C-alpha atoms as a PDB file:
ATOM      1  CA  MET A   1       0.000   0.000   0.000  1.00  0.00           C
ATOM      2  CA  ALA A   2       1.352   3.424  -0.966  1.00  0.00           C
ATOM      3  CA  LYS A   3       2.258   5.738   1.863  1.00  0.00           C
ATOM      4  CA  THR A   4      -0.025   8.738   2.464  1.00  0.00           C
ATOM      5  CA  LEU A   5       2.017  11.894   2.155  1.00  0.00           C
ATOM      6  CA  LYS A   6       1.898  14.404   5.006  1.00  0.00           C
ATOM      7  CA  VAL A   7       2.454  18.084   4.264  1.00  0.00           C
ATOM      8  CA  ALA A   8       3.250  20.908   6.678  1.00  0.00           C
ATOM      9  CA  VAL A   9       1.389  24.159   6.001  1.00  0.00           C
ATOM     10  CA  LEU A  10       3.084  27.098   7.708  1.00  0.00           C
ATOM     11  CA  LEU A  11       0.649  29.913   8.531  1.00  0.00           C
ATOM     12  CA  ALA A  12       1.308  33.470   9.692  1.00  0.00           C
ATOM     13  CA  GLY A  13      -1.980  34.444  11.339  1.00  0.00           C
ATOM     14  CA  CYS A  14      -5.360  35.214   9.784  1.00  0.00           C
ATOM     15  CA  GLY A  15      -5.940  38.157   7.443  1.00  0.00           C
ATOM     16  CA  HIS A  16      -3.881  39.312   4.495  1.00  0.00           C
ATOM     17  CA  LEU A  17      -2.734  42.619   6.029  1.00  0.00           C
ATOM     18  CA  ASP A  18      -1.269  41.212   9.248  1.00  0.00           C
ATOM     19  CA  GLY A  19      -1.391  37.414   8.948  1.00  0.00           C
ATOM     20  CA  ALA A  20      -1.933  34.654   6.400  1.00  0.00           C
ATOM     21  CA  GLU A  21      -3.882  35.476   3.245  1.00  0.00           C
ATOM     22  CA  VAL A  22      -7.086  33.589   4.026  1.00  0.00           C
ATOM     23  CA  ARG A  23      -8.009  32.788   0.433  1.00  0.00           C
ATOM     24  CA  GLU A  24      -4.524  31.498  -0.344  1.00  0.00           C
ATOM     25  CA  ALA A  25      -4.466  29.416   2.838  1.00  0.00           C
ATOM     26  CA  VAL A  26      -7.860  27.828   2.211  1.00  0.00           C
ATOM     27  CA  LEU A  27      -7.080  27.151  -1.448  1.00  0.00           C
ATOM     28  CA  THR A  28      -3.817  25.515  -0.386  1.00  0.00           C
ATOM     29  CA  LEU A  29      -5.663  23.201   1.991  1.00  0.00           C
ATOM     30  CA  LEU A  30      -8.268  22.467  -0.679  1.00  0.00           C
ATOM     31  CA  ALA A  31      -5.588  21.548  -3.216  1.00  0.00           C
ATOM     32  CA  LEU A  32      -3.876  19.257  -0.719  1.00  0.00           C
ATOM     33  CA  ASP A  33      -7.186  17.633   0.213  1.00  0.00           C
ATOM     34  CA  GLN A  34      -8.110  17.041  -3.426  1.00  0.00           C
ATOM     35  CA  HIS A  35      -4.831  15.175  -3.843  1.00  0.00           C
ATOM     36  CA  GLY A  36      -5.741  12.959  -0.889  1.00  0.00           C
ATOM     37  CA  VAL A  37      -2.718  13.877   1.217  1.00  0.00           C
ATOM     38  CA  ALA A  38      -2.676  14.581   4.944  1.00  0.00           C
ATOM     39  CA  PHE A  39      -1.754  18.076   6.063  1.00  0.00           C
ATOM     40  CA  GLN A  40      -0.912  19.843   9.298  1.00  0.00           C
ATOM     41  CA  CYS A  41      -1.276  23.589   9.827  1.00  0.00           C
ATOM     42  CA  ILE A  42       1.576  25.044  11.885  1.00  0.00           C
ATOM     43  CA  ALA A  43       2.274  28.504  13.344  1.00  0.00           C
ATOM     44  CA  PRO A  44       4.554  30.111  15.928  1.00  0.00           C
ATOM     45  CA  ASN A  45       3.057  30.692  19.366  1.00  0.00           C
ATOM     46  CA  ALA A  46       3.991  34.368  19.480  1.00  0.00           C
ATOM     47  CA  ASP A  47       2.454  37.810  19.082  1.00  0.00           C
ATOM     48  CA  GLN A  48       1.899  39.308  15.646  1.00  0.00           C
ATOM     49  CA  TYR A  49       3.965  42.337  14.660  1.00  0.00           C
ATOM     50  CA  HIS A  50       0.758  44.392  14.852  1.00  0.00           C
ATOM     51  CA  VAL A  51      -2.995  44.151  14.273  1.00  0.00           C
ATOM     52  CA  ILE A  52      -4.707  45.708  11.251  1.00  0.00           C
ATOM     53  CA  ASN A  53      -8.384  46.608  11.002  1.00  0.00           C
ATOM     54  CA  HIS A  54      -9.270  44.902   7.736  1.00  0.00           C
ATOM     55  CA  ALA A  55     -12.246  47.216   7.190  1.00  0.00           C
ATOM     56  CA  THR A  56     -10.069  50.345   7.199  1.00  0.00           C
ATOM     57  CA  GLY A  57      -6.578  49.026   6.529  1.00  0.00           C
ATOM     58  CA  GLN A  58      -5.262  50.898   9.571  1.00  0.00           C
ATOM     59  CA  PRO A  59      -3.304  49.581  12.578  1.00  0.00           C
ATOM     60  CA  VAL A  60      -5.301  49.117  15.777  1.00  0.00           C
ATOM     61  CA  THR A  61      -3.519  50.939  18.577  1.00  0.00           C
ATOM     62  CA  GLY A  62      -2.778  48.728  21.584  1.00  0.00           C
ATOM     63  CA  ALA A  63      -4.271  45.587  20.046  1.00  0.00           C
ATOM     64  CA  VAL A  64      -2.341  42.312  20.414  1.00  0.00           C
ATOM     65  CA  ARG A  65      -3.039  39.018  18.655  1.00  0.00           C
ATOM     66  CA  ASN A  66      -1.258  35.691  18.790  1.00  0.00           C
ATOM     67  CA  ILE A  67      -0.076  34.096  15.525  1.00  0.00           C
ATOM     68  CA  LEU A  68      -0.990  30.555  16.605  1.00  0.00           C
ATOM     69  CA  GLU A  69      -4.420  31.599  17.856  1.00  0.00           C
ATOM     70  CA  GLU A  70      -5.162  33.566  14.688  1.00  0.00           C
ATOM     71  CA  SER A  71      -3.899  30.764  12.429  1.00  0.00           C
ATOM     72  CA  SER A  72      -6.263  28.422  14.262  1.00  0.00           C
ATOM     73  CA  ARG A  73      -9.168  30.400  12.780  1.00  0.00           C
ATOM     74  CA  ILE A  74      -8.146  28.894   9.445  1.00  0.00           C
ATOM     75  CA  ALA A  75      -7.003  25.485  10.691  1.00  0.00           C
ATOM     76  CA  ARG A  76     -10.090  25.067  12.941  1.00  0.00           C
ATOM     77  CA  LEU A  77     -10.227  24.495  16.676  1.00  0.00           C
ATOM     78  CA  GLY A  78      -7.218  22.646  18.042  1.00  0.00           C
ATOM     79  CA  GLN A  79      -5.906  21.762  14.593  1.00  0.00           C
ATOM     80  CA  CYS A  80      -2.982  24.189  14.347  1.00  0.00           C
ATOM     81  CA  LEU A  81       0.306  22.888  15.740  1.00  0.00           C
ATOM     82  CA  ASP A  82       2.678  25.101  17.721  1.00  0.00           C
ATOM     83  CA  LEU A  83       5.831  25.506  15.611  1.00  0.00           C
ATOM     84  CA  ALA A  84       7.915  24.647  18.695  1.00  0.00           C
ATOM     85  CA  LYS A  85       6.454  21.113  18.520  1.00  0.00           C
ATOM     86  CA  ALA A  86       6.812  20.634  14.758  1.00  0.00           C
ATOM     87  CA  ARG A  87       9.548  18.363  13.380  1.00  0.00           C
ATOM     88  CA  VAL A  88      10.698  18.349   9.777  1.00  0.00           C
ATOM     89  CA  GLU A  89      11.129  14.574   9.869  1.00  0.00           C
ATOM     90  CA  ASP A  90       7.372  14.152  10.410  1.00  0.00           C
ATOM     91  CA  PHE A  91       6.542  15.674   7.018  1.00  0.00           C
ATOM     92  CA  ASP A  92       7.192  14.945   3.362  1.00  0.00           C
ATOM     93  CA  ALA A  93       6.858  18.526   2.109  1.00  0.00           C
ATOM     94  CA  LEU A  94       6.199  22.116   3.173  1.00  0.00           C
ATOM     95  CA  VAL A  95       3.780  24.615   1.642  1.00  0.00           C
ATOM     96  CA  MET A  96       3.559  28.255   2.735  1.00  0.00           C
ATOM     97  CA  PRO A  97       0.634  30.516   1.787  1.00  0.00           C
ATOM     98  CA  GLY A  98       1.336  34.228   1.637  1.00  0.00           C
ATOM     99  CA  GLY A  99      -0.113  37.306   3.289  1.00  0.00           C
ATOM    100  CA  TYR A 100       1.674  40.229   4.916  1.00  0.00           C
ATOM    101  CA  GLY A 101       2.037  38.168   8.083  1.00  0.00           C
ATOM    102  CA  VAL A 102       4.759  36.185   6.325  1.00  0.00           C
ATOM    103  CA  ALA A 103       6.664  39.428   5.742  1.00  0.00           C
ATOM    104  CA  LYS A 104       5.838  40.946   9.154  1.00  0.00           C
ATOM    105  CA  ASN A 105       5.542  38.046  11.619  1.00  0.00           C
ATOM    106  CA  HIS A 106       7.864  35.391  10.178  1.00  0.00           C
ATOM    107  CA  CYS A 107      10.424  37.935   9.007  1.00  0.00           C
ATOM    108  CA  SER A 108      10.795  41.699   8.543  1.00  0.00           C
ATOM    109  CA  PHE A 109      10.821  41.773   4.735  1.00  0.00           C
ATOM    110  CA  ALA A 110       7.835  44.162   4.691  1.00  0.00           C
ATOM    111  CA  PHE A 111       9.947  46.773   6.457  1.00  0.00           C
ATOM    112  CA  LYS A 112      13.582  46.015   5.603  1.00  0.00           C
ATOM    113  CA  GLY A 113      13.481  44.266   2.236  1.00  0.00           C
ATOM    114  CA  ALA A 114      16.730  42.485   1.429  1.00  0.00           C
ATOM    115  CA  GLU A 115      18.168  43.508   4.828  1.00  0.00           C
ATOM    116  CA  ALA A 116      15.370  41.748   6.728  1.00  0.00           C
ATOM    117  CA  ASP A 117      15.880  39.208   9.481  1.00  0.00           C
ATOM    118  CA  VAL A 118      13.889  36.002  10.036  1.00  0.00           C
ATOM    119  CA  ARG A 119      12.451  34.511  13.212  1.00  0.00           C
ATOM    120  CA  PRO A 120      15.009  31.858  14.240  1.00  0.00           C
ATOM    121  CA  ASP A 121      12.383  29.136  14.761  1.00  0.00           C
ATOM    122  CA  VAL A 122      10.821  29.801  11.356  1.00  0.00           C
ATOM    123  CA  ALA A 123      14.236  29.881   9.686  1.00  0.00           C
ATOM    124  CA  ALA A 124      15.275  26.580  11.271  1.00  0.00           C
ATOM    125  CA  PHE A 125      12.029  24.840  10.298  1.00  0.00           C
ATOM    126  CA  VAL A 126      12.007  26.006   6.688  1.00  0.00           C
ATOM    127  CA  ARG A 127      15.734  25.431   6.252  1.00  0.00           C
ATOM    128  CA  GLY A 128      15.257  21.902   7.555  1.00  0.00           C
ATOM    129  CA  PHE A 129      13.161  20.957   4.521  1.00  0.00           C
ATOM    130  CA  PHE A 130      15.853  22.144   2.127  1.00  0.00           C
ATOM    131  CA  ASP A 131      18.557  20.374   4.132  1.00  0.00           C
ATOM    132  CA  ALA A 132      16.508  17.164   3.951  1.00  0.00           C
ATOM    133  CA  LYS A 133      15.915  17.712   0.220  1.00  0.00           C
ATOM    134  CA  LYS A 134      12.161  17.753   0.744  1.00  0.00           C
ATOM    135  CA  PRO A 135      10.021  19.879  -1.605  1.00  0.00           C
ATOM    136  CA  VAL A 136       8.805  23.332  -0.627  1.00  0.00           C
ATOM    137  CA  GLY A 137       5.969  25.365  -2.121  1.00  0.00           C
ATOM    138  CA  ALA A 138       5.951  29.113  -1.515  1.00  0.00           C
ATOM    139  CA  ILE A 139       2.973  31.271  -2.454  1.00  0.00           C
ATOM    140  CA  CYS A 140       2.618  35.048  -2.904  1.00  0.00           C
ATOM    141  CA  ILE A 141       5.184  36.810  -0.638  1.00  0.00           C
ATOM    142  CA  ALA A 142       6.404  33.541   0.940  1.00  0.00           C
ATOM    143  CA  PRO A 143       9.214  33.178  -1.651  1.00  0.00           C
ATOM    144  CA  ALA A 144      10.781  36.258  -0.028  1.00  0.00           C
ATOM    145  CA  LEU A 145      10.961  34.344   3.256  1.00  0.00           C
ATOM    146  CA  VAL A 146      12.646  31.467   1.432  1.00  0.00           C
ATOM    147  CA  ALA A 147      15.034  33.879  -0.235  1.00  0.00           C
ATOM    148  CA  LEU A 148      16.113  35.338   3.101  1.00  0.00           C
ATOM    149  CA  ILE A 149      16.631  31.903   4.640  1.00  0.00           C
ATOM    150  CA  LEU A 150      18.647  30.593   1.672  1.00  0.00           C
ATOM    151  CA  SER A 151      20.667  33.767   1.096  1.00  0.00           C
ATOM    152  CA  GLY A 152      24.386  33.033   1.162  1.00  0.00           C
ATOM    153  CA  LYS A 153      23.715  29.282   1.092  1.00  0.00           C
ATOM    154  CA  ASN A 154      21.766  28.410  -2.074  1.00  0.00           C
ATOM    155  CA  ALA A 155      20.819  30.502  -5.074  1.00  0.00           C
ATOM    156  CA  ALA A 156      17.143  29.904  -5.802  1.00  0.00           C
ATOM    157  CA  ARG A 157      15.035  30.335  -8.930  1.00  0.00           C
ATOM    158  CA  LEU A 158      11.695  31.792  -7.869  1.00  0.00           C
ATOM    159  CA  THR A 159       8.946  34.322  -8.550  1.00  0.00           C
ATOM    160  CA  LEU A 160       7.162  37.093  -6.696  1.00  0.00           C
ATOM    161  CA  GLY A 161       5.194  38.107  -9.776  1.00  0.00           C
ATOM    162  CA  GLY A 162       6.417  41.246 -11.477  1.00  0.00           C
ATOM    163  CA  ASP A 163       6.896  43.817  -8.697  1.00  0.00           C
ATOM    164  CA  PRO A 164      10.182  45.655  -9.445  1.00  0.00           C
ATOM    165  CA  GLY A 165      11.018  46.274  -5.782  1.00  0.00           C
ATOM    166  CA  CYS A 166      10.586  42.633  -4.828  1.00  0.00           C
ATOM    167  CA  SER A 167      12.460  41.494  -7.922  1.00  0.00           C
ATOM    168  CA  ASP A 168      15.389  43.735  -7.024  1.00  0.00           C
ATOM    169  CA  ALA A 169      15.415  42.480  -3.428  1.00  0.00           C
ATOM    170  CA  MET A 170      15.555  38.880  -4.634  1.00  0.00           C
ATOM    171  CA  ARG A 171      18.488  39.645  -6.901  1.00  0.00           C
ATOM    172  CA  ARG A 172      20.291  41.482  -4.089  1.00  0.00           C
ATOM    173  CA  LEU A 173      19.901  38.335  -1.990  1.00  0.00           C
ATOM    174  CA  GLY A 174      21.613  36.342  -4.712  1.00  0.00           C
ATOM    175  CA  HIS A 175      18.585  34.656  -6.290  1.00  0.00           C
ATOM    176  CA  LEU A 176      17.243  34.405  -9.827  1.00  0.00           C
ATOM    177  CA  HIS A 177      13.858  36.100  -9.958  1.00  0.00           C
ATOM    178  CA  GLU A 178      11.549  35.306 -12.859  1.00  0.00           C
ATOM    179  CA  ASP A 179       8.866  37.861 -13.608  1.00  0.00           C
ATOM    180  CA  THR A 180       5.535  36.160 -14.261  1.00  0.00           C
ATOM    181  CA  PRO A 181       2.514  37.700 -16.021  1.00  0.00           C
ATOM    182  CA  SER A 182      -0.302  36.385 -13.837  1.00  0.00           C
ATOM    183  CA  ALA A 183      -1.347  34.510 -10.705  1.00  0.00           C
ATOM    184  CA  ARG A 184      -1.781  31.350 -12.786  1.00  0.00           C
ATOM    185  CA  GLU A 185       1.968  30.887 -13.275  1.00  0.00           C
ATOM    186  CA  ILE A 186       4.506  28.819 -11.341  1.00  0.00           C
ATOM    187  CA  VAL A 187       8.300  28.692 -11.313  1.00  0.00           C
ATOM    188  CA  ILE A 188      10.137  25.491 -10.420  1.00  0.00           C
ATOM    189  CA  ASP A 189      13.696  25.228  -9.127  1.00  0.00           C
ATOM    190  CA  GLU A 190      14.418  21.554  -9.748  1.00  0.00           C
ATOM    191  CA  ALA A 191      17.696  21.512  -7.839  1.00  0.00           C
ATOM    192  CA  LEU A 192      16.084  22.844  -4.656  1.00  0.00           C
ATOM    193  CA  LYS A 193      12.662  21.222  -5.198  1.00  0.00           C
ATOM    194  CA  LEU A 194      11.182  24.698  -4.743  1.00  0.00           C
ATOM    195  CA  VAL A 195       7.904  25.666  -6.423  1.00  0.00           C
ATOM    196  CA  THR A 196       6.660  29.266  -6.291  1.00  0.00           C
ATOM    197  CA  THR A 197       3.532  31.047  -7.524  1.00  0.00           C
ATOM    198  CA  PRO A 198       2.642  34.761  -7.205  1.00  0.00           C
ATOM    199  CA  ALA A 199      -1.067  34.542  -6.228  1.00  0.00           C
ATOM    200  CA  TYR A 200      -2.133  37.892  -4.701  1.00  0.00           C
ATOM    201  CA  MET A 201       1.166  39.565  -5.442  1.00  0.00           C
ATOM    202  CA  PHE A 202      -1.177  40.617  -8.241  1.00  0.00           C
ATOM    203  CA  ASP A 203      -3.677  42.637  -6.166  1.00  0.00           C
ATOM    204  CA  ASP A 204      -6.305  42.491  -8.908  1.00  0.00           C
ATOM    205  CA  ALA A 205      -5.962  38.751  -9.538  1.00  0.00           C
ATOM    206  CA  ARG A 206      -9.163  36.802  -9.986  1.00  0.00           C
ATOM    207  CA  LEU A 207      -9.793  34.171  -7.336  1.00  0.00           C
ATOM    208  CA  SER A 208     -10.021  31.556 -10.073  1.00  0.00           C
ATOM    209  CA  ASP A 209      -6.548  32.502 -11.332  1.00  0.00           C
ATOM    210  CA  VAL A 210      -5.101  32.335  -7.814  1.00  0.00           C
ATOM    211  CA  TRP A 211      -6.621  28.849  -7.506  1.00  0.00           C
ATOM    212  CA  VAL A 212      -5.010  27.705 -10.752  1.00  0.00           C
ATOM    213  CA  GLY A 213      -1.576  28.879  -9.591  1.00  0.00           C
ATOM    214  CA  ILE A 214      -1.891  27.344  -6.135  1.00  0.00           C
ATOM    215  CA  GLU A 215      -3.238  24.041  -7.461  1.00  0.00           C
ATOM    216  CA  ARG A 216      -0.366  23.852  -9.943  1.00  0.00           C
ATOM    217  CA  CYS A 217       2.119  24.692  -7.190  1.00  0.00           C
ATOM    218  CA  VAL A 218       0.763  22.034  -4.837  1.00  0.00           C
ATOM    219  CA  THR A 219       0.652  19.423  -7.620  1.00  0.00           C
ATOM    220  CA  GLU A 220       4.310  20.000  -8.483  1.00  0.00           C
ATOM    221  CA  VAL A 221       5.365  19.930  -4.828  1.00  0.00           C
ATOM    222  CA  LEU A 222       3.636  16.582  -4.329  1.00  0.00           C
ATOM    223  CA  LYS A 223       5.251  15.131  -7.465  1.00  0.00           C
ATOM    224  CA  ARG A 224       8.625  15.698  -5.817  1.00  0.00           C
ATOM    225  CA  ALA A 225       7.728  14.367  -2.362  1.00  0.00           C
END
C-alpha cells in the first residue's frame, strides 16, 4: 500500500494585512485535500507584529493578537500545531501561503526588504526541509521568506510576480527572480525542489486565477515528495 504523504502548512496568522492570506491558505488546503494527502497547519506561538483593522486598513492601537491563535481560525479548533512542537522529519513537504504576516511576523521583509531578518524558529524549520531535500511550495510573498533563509547558502530560482522592488530584493539576496505575467503561473527550481507562484502579489488577480496557480504549485510539490 502506498504511503499517504503528510504536508506541513506554515501559517502566519489570519488576514492578508497582518497574517496569512485567508483565500490562499484555504485554497492551499483544498488543493492538498483534493490530492488525498494529509496536512498539518503550523504557526509560531507568538504575538503578531501588529494588528490591522481589515475594514479600514489601519493599525489598531494597543491591540495584540497571537499568531498561533489567529492561524487556528483557518485550521479550525485545536488543529494548528505550535511551531515549537513541529519536526521536519514528520513531514514529506512544506507549503507556505502568503499574506503580509509572512513578511511581518515570520520575518521583517515588509519593512527592511533584502536587509530583513527572520524569526530563528521559522528559519530553522524552513531550512530543515531544504537540508533534507524535501520539496517546498511558496505562495505570494512567501518566496521572499525562502530567499532570506537561503541567502548566502543556495541561489534559488523563484517568482514574486512582477513587482520591481521585490524582484530587485531577490536579486540582491543572490537569487534568480523570474517575472511572471499572472497569478496562474509557477516557477520550479528543480535543484532545490522549490515551487513558487505569485497569487495575490497581483492585487487584482481573480480568485479563479489564484486557484489555478496554487493548485499547480501544490501538484508539483507533491510530485517531488
